[in-house]
Amino acid sequence: MFQLSLVRQAPNKDEEFYQVHLNIFYESSQDNQIFSESTWDEDLDENIFDYIRNSEVFAYAKEEEYLAVKNLSRGNLRMGVKERNLVIDNEHS
């Protein structure tokens, strides 16, 4: 299974964090097995949204048919201040 995950994290007034995860699943293939990445916005010199839009994996994912889209929200997390994340996970059987 090939998975593209986008995560948004934001603090509430009590300095706890809420997360929203968007996970998009694709069939594993020779074409997507090259992708594996986890990128935080604080590690970039550019805007993470521009980074994602200009990435090879995003170009690939836009053109492929996905199997499923799942979202997940988590609240009351006491974590660091990393706010946005791109995760590419590739599990080939």
C-alpha atoms as a PDB file:
ATOM      1  CA  MET A   1       0.000   0.000   0.000  1.00  0.00           C
ATOM      2  CA  PHE A   2       1.270   3.469  -0.911  1.00  0.00           C
ATOM      3  CA  GLN A   3       0.099   6.250   1.418  1.00  0.00           C
ATOM      4  CA  LEU A   4       0.260  10.039   1.150  1.00  0.00           C
ATOM      5  CA  SER A   5      -0.462  11.741   4.499  1.00  0.00           C
ATOM      6  CA  LEU A   6      -0.911  15.428   5.198  1.00  0.00           C
ATOM      7  CA  VAL A   7      -1.023  16.552   8.827  1.00  0.00           C
ATOM      8  CA  ARG A   8      -2.069  19.917  10.241  1.00  0.00           C
ATOM      9  CA  GLN A   9      -1.424  20.643  13.898  1.00  0.00           C
ATOM     10  CA  ALA A  10      -2.602  23.723  15.779  1.00  0.00           C
ATOM     11  CA  PRO A  11      -2.577  24.780  19.425  1.00  0.00           C
ATOM     12  CA  ASN A  12      -5.709  25.657  21.339  1.00  0.00           C
ATOM     13  CA  LYS A  13      -5.963  28.345  24.028  1.00  0.00           C
ATOM     14  CA  ASP A  14      -4.659  25.900  26.671  1.00  0.00           C
ATOM     15  CA  GLU A  15      -1.451  25.257  24.661  1.00  0.00           C
ATOM     16  CA  GLU A  16      -2.576  21.751  23.815  1.00  0.00           C
ATOM     17  CA  PHE A  17      -2.539  20.593  20.215  1.00  0.00           C
ATOM     18  CA  TYR A  18      -5.159  19.345  17.828  1.00  0.00           C
ATOM     19  CA  GLN A  19      -4.216  17.381  14.735  1.00  0.00           C
ATOM     20  CA  VAL A  20      -6.051  16.718  11.508  1.00  0.00           C
ATOM     21  CA  HIS A  21      -4.670  13.905   9.342  1.00  0.00           C
ATOM     22  CA  LEU A  22      -5.594  13.352   5.706  1.00  0.00           C
ATOM     23  CA  ASN A  23      -4.429   9.950   4.469  1.00  0.00           C
ATOM     24  CA  ILE A  24      -4.734   8.980   0.815  1.00  0.00           C
ATOM     25  CA  PHE A  25      -4.099   5.351  -0.106  1.00  0.00           C
ATOM     26  CA  TYR A  26      -2.948   3.975  -3.452  1.00  0.00           C
ATOM     27  CA  GLU A  27      -2.153   0.527  -4.780  1.00  0.00           C
ATOM     28  CA  SER A  28       1.572  -0.233  -4.531  1.00  0.00           C
ATOM     29  CA  SER A  29       3.377  -0.223  -7.851  1.00  0.00           C
ATOM     30  CA  GLN A  30       6.834  -0.053  -9.392  1.00  0.00           C
ATOM     31  CA  ASP A  31       6.193   3.637 -10.088  1.00  0.00           C
ATOM     32  CA  ASN A  32       5.496   4.651  -6.482  1.00  0.00           C
ATOM     33  CA  GLN A  33       8.014   2.443  -4.683  1.00  0.00           C
ATOM     34  CA  ILE A  34      10.676   5.153  -5.062  1.00  0.00           C
ATOM     35  CA  PHE A  35       8.792   7.556  -2.774  1.00  0.00           C
ATOM     36  CA  SER A  36       9.559   7.650   0.949  1.00  0.00           C
ATOM     37  CA  GLU A  37       9.661  10.941   2.832  1.00  0.00           C
ATOM     38  CA  SER A  38       8.685  12.796   5.982  1.00  0.00           C
ATOM     39  CA  THR A  39       9.035  16.579   5.854  1.00  0.00           C
ATOM     40  CA  TRP A  40       8.190  19.164   8.507  1.00  0.00           C
ATOM     41  CA  ASP A  41       7.599  22.787   7.582  1.00  0.00           C
ATOM     42  CA  GLU A  42      10.239  23.946  10.060  1.00  0.00           C
ATOM     43  CA  ASP A  43      12.866  22.016   8.076  1.00  0.00           C
ATOM     44  CA  LEU A  44      12.163  23.938   4.865  1.00  0.00           C
ATOM     45  CA  ASP A  45      13.288  27.325   3.615  1.00  0.00           C
ATOM     46  CA  GLU A  46      10.122  27.593   1.534  1.00  0.00           C
ATOM     47  CA  ASN A  47       6.415  27.415   2.319  1.00  0.00           C
ATOM     48  CA  ILE A  48       5.423  23.781   2.877  1.00  0.00           C
ATOM     49  CA  PHE A  49       2.353  24.125   0.653  1.00  0.00           C
ATOM     50  CA  ASP A  50       4.556  25.252  -2.242  1.00  0.00           C
ATOM     51  CA  TYR A  51       6.952  22.416  -1.440  1.00  0.00           C
ATOM     52  CA  ILE A  52       4.136  19.857  -1.588  1.00  0.00           C
ATOM     53  CA  ARG A  53       2.615  21.284  -4.803  1.00  0.00           C
ATOM     54  CA  ASN A  54       6.044  21.203  -6.480  1.00  0.00           C
ATOM     55  CA  SER A  55       7.041  17.737  -5.269  1.00  0.00           C
ATOM     56  CA  GLU A  56       7.377  14.699  -7.528  1.00  0.00           C
ATOM     57  CA  VAL A  57       5.181  12.637  -5.241  1.00  0.00           C
ATOM     58  CA  PHE A  58       2.339  15.177  -5.400  1.00  0.00           C
ATOM     59  CA  ALA A  59       2.571  15.270  -9.211  1.00  0.00           C
ATOM     60  CA  TYR A  60       2.416  11.472  -9.203  1.00  0.00           C
ATOM     61  CA  ALA A  61      -0.486  11.291  -6.729  1.00  0.00           C
ATOM     62  CA  LYS A  62      -2.608  13.825  -8.660  1.00  0.00           C
ATOM     63  CA  GLU A  63      -2.544  11.604 -11.741  1.00  0.00           C
ATOM     64  CA  GLU A  64      -3.203   8.250 -10.070  1.00  0.00           C
ATOM     65  CA  GLU A  65      -6.480   6.710  -8.965  1.00  0.00           C
ATOM     66  CA  TYR A  66      -6.628   6.380  -5.191  1.00  0.00           C
ATOM     67  CA  LEU A  67      -8.136   3.463  -3.290  1.00  0.00           C
ATOM     68  CA  ALA A  68      -9.335   5.327  -0.199  1.00  0.00           C
ATOM     69  CA  VAL A  69      -9.210   8.638   1.627  1.00  0.00           C
ATOM     70  CA  LYS A  70      -9.391   8.702   5.407  1.00  0.00           C
ATOM     71  CA  ASN A  71      -9.219  11.593   7.812  1.00  0.00           C
ATOM     72  CA  LEU A  72      -8.513  11.537  11.496  1.00  0.00           C
ATOM     73  CA  SER A  73      -8.694  14.239  14.132  1.00  0.00           C
ATOM     74  CA  ARG A  74      -6.912  14.080  17.446  1.00  0.00           C
ATOM     75  CA  GLY A  75      -7.275  16.543  20.276  1.00  0.00           C
ATOM     76  CA  ASN A  76      -5.580  17.437  23.527  1.00  0.00           C
ATOM     77  CA  LEU A  77      -2.077  16.422  22.497  1.00  0.00           C
ATOM     78  CA  ARG A  78       0.808  17.913  24.421  1.00  0.00           C
ATOM     79  CA  MET A  79       3.509  18.070  21.801  1.00  0.00           C
ATOM     80  CA  GLY A  80       6.116  20.313  20.219  1.00  0.00           C
ATOM     81  CA  VAL A  81       5.272  23.141  17.866  1.00  0.00           C
ATOM     82  CA  LYS A  82       5.675  21.335  14.560  1.00  0.00           C
ATOM     83  CA  GLU A  83       2.617  22.443  12.686  1.00  0.00           C
ATOM     84  CA  ARG A  84       2.584  20.857   9.242  1.00  0.00           C
ATOM     85  CA  ASN A  85       3.910  17.582   7.973  1.00  0.00           C
ATOM     86  CA  LEU A  86       4.077  15.619   4.742  1.00  0.00           C
ATOM     87  CA  VAL A  87       4.574  11.870   5.115  1.00  0.00           C
ATOM     88  CA  ILE A  88       5.010   9.422   2.270  1.00  0.00           C
ATOM     89  CA  ASP A  89       4.797   5.803   3.380  1.00  0.00           C
ATOM     90  CA  ASN A  90       5.345   2.872   1.106  1.00  0.00           C
ATOM     91  CA  GLU A  91       4.556  -0.648   2.258  1.00  0.00           C
ATOM     92  CA  HIS A  92       5.045  -3.172  -0.518  1.00  0.00           C
ATOM     93  CA  SER A  93       3.827  -6.706  -0.001  1.00  0.00           C
END
